[in-house]
Amino acid sequence: MNIETIREFIDPQLLIVVPMLWGIGMAVKKSSIENKFIPFILLVCSCAVVMLHLTGTNLILDSQALAGCVFAGMTQGSVIWLLAWMGYEKMLKESEIR
């Protein structure tokens, strides 16, 4: 997956969420929460941030517009979460090689 493909699916302004998720993941990892819950926590955070962005930038006048924002937030949030996870895994592999 290259950056051009990703740009088709998510708003470029939302790419800032990726490093934010890395920071949240590191903070959660240092807490008393079990590691198996970290992916779920990051997915929820990603979707929530995207939904906040979408509801803040779009005028929502009816339930159909709200449902559209929720759907877009969940799909774009999932793609961003996957991008963050893949980037983190790639970074870990590269640090093991060196």
Protein backbone atom coordinates (compact mmCIF):
# COMPACT_ATOMS: atom_id res chain seq x y z
CA MET A 1 0.00 0.00 0.00
CA ASN A 2 1.54 3.29 -1.03
CA ILE A 3 0.70 6.85 0.03
CA GLU A 4 -1.28 7.56 -3.15
CA THR A 5 -3.63 4.68 -2.41
CA ILE A 6 -4.08 5.90 1.14
CA ARG A 7 -4.92 9.42 -0.05
CA GLU A 8 -7.84 8.00 -1.99
CA PHE A 9 -9.42 6.63 1.19
CA ILE A 10 -8.70 9.25 3.85
CA ASP A 11 -8.53 13.00 4.20
CA PRO A 12 -4.85 14.07 4.19
CA GLN A 13 -5.53 16.30 7.21
CA LEU A 14 -6.22 13.16 9.22
CA LEU A 15 -2.74 11.71 8.71
CA ILE A 16 -1.72 13.56 11.89
CA VAL A 17 -3.77 10.97 13.78
CA VAL A 18 -1.12 8.30 13.02
CA PRO A 19 1.62 9.72 15.30
CA MET A 20 -1.07 10.53 17.85
CA LEU A 21 -2.04 6.85 17.91
CA TRP A 22 1.60 5.86 18.36
CA GLY A 23 1.81 8.14 21.39
CA ILE A 24 -1.42 6.81 22.87
CA GLY A 25 -0.22 3.25 22.26
CA MET A 26 3.05 3.91 24.07
CA ALA A 27 1.22 5.51 26.99
CA VAL A 28 -1.24 2.61 27.25
CA LYS A 29 1.61 0.10 27.03
CA LYS A 30 3.25 1.72 30.09
CA SER A 31 -0.03 1.62 32.02
CA SER A 32 -1.58 -1.32 33.86
CA ILE A 33 -3.86 -2.18 30.90
CA GLU A 34 -3.11 -5.54 29.29
CA ASN A 35 -1.33 -5.39 25.92
CA LYS A 36 -4.07 -7.39 24.19
CA PHE A 37 -6.47 -4.42 24.57
CA ILE A 38 -4.15 -1.86 22.94
CA PRO A 39 -5.31 -2.44 19.33
CA PHE A 40 -8.97 -2.05 20.34
CA ILE A 41 -8.25 1.12 22.33
CA LEU A 42 -6.35 2.62 19.40
CA LEU A 43 -9.12 1.70 16.96
CA VAL A 44 -11.73 3.39 19.14
CA CYS A 45 -9.51 6.48 19.55
CA SER A 46 -8.90 6.67 15.81
CA CYS A 47 -12.58 6.40 14.90
CA ALA A 48 -13.55 8.91 17.60
CA VAL A 49 -11.02 11.51 16.42
CA VAL A 50 -12.12 11.12 12.80
CA MET A 51 -15.79 11.42 13.76
CA LEU A 52 -15.03 14.56 15.77
CA HIS A 53 -13.21 16.00 12.76
CA LEU A 54 -16.06 15.15 10.40
CA THR A 55 -18.79 16.51 12.65
CA GLY A 56 -16.76 19.66 13.23
CA THR A 57 -16.19 20.34 9.55
CA ASN A 58 -19.60 19.31 8.18
CA LEU A 59 -23.02 20.79 8.84
CA ILE A 60 -25.22 18.06 10.28
CA LEU A 61 -28.90 18.88 10.00
CA ASP A 62 -30.56 15.47 9.96
CA SER A 63 -30.04 11.85 10.95
CA GLN A 64 -28.92 10.89 7.45
CA ALA A 65 -26.00 13.33 7.60
CA LEU A 66 -25.12 12.08 11.08
CA ALA A 67 -25.19 8.47 9.89
CA GLY A 68 -22.94 9.43 6.99
CA CYS A 69 -20.44 11.02 9.38
CA VAL A 70 -20.49 7.96 11.63
CA PHE A 71 -19.94 5.62 8.69
CA ALA A 72 -17.16 7.77 7.23
CA GLY A 73 -15.60 8.10 10.68
CA MET A 74 -15.58 4.36 11.21
CA THR A 75 -14.17 3.55 7.78
CA GLN A 76 -11.57 6.32 7.69
CA GLY A 77 -10.71 5.69 11.35
CA SER A 78 -10.15 2.02 10.58
CA VAL A 79 -7.88 2.82 7.64
CA ILE A 80 -5.90 5.29 9.75
CA TRP A 81 -5.62 2.74 12.58
CA LEU A 82 -4.37 0.13 10.10
CA LEU A 83 -1.88 2.61 8.67
CA ALA A 84 -0.59 3.40 12.18
CA TRP A 85 -0.33 -0.28 13.07
CA MET A 86 1.46 -1.19 9.82
CA GLY A 87 3.84 1.75 10.19
CA TYR A 88 4.66 0.81 13.77
CA GLU A 89 5.28 -2.83 12.83
CA LYS A 90 7.52 -1.76 9.95
CA MET A 91 9.45 0.54 12.27
CA LEU A 92 9.93 -2.33 14.75
CA LYS A 93 11.19 -4.68 12.03
CA GLU A 94 13.65 -2.08 10.72
CA SER A 95 14.99 -1.46 14.24
CA GLU A 96 15.52 -5.24 14.71
CA ILE A 97 17.50 -5.45 11.46
CA ARG A 98 19.90 -2.71 12.52
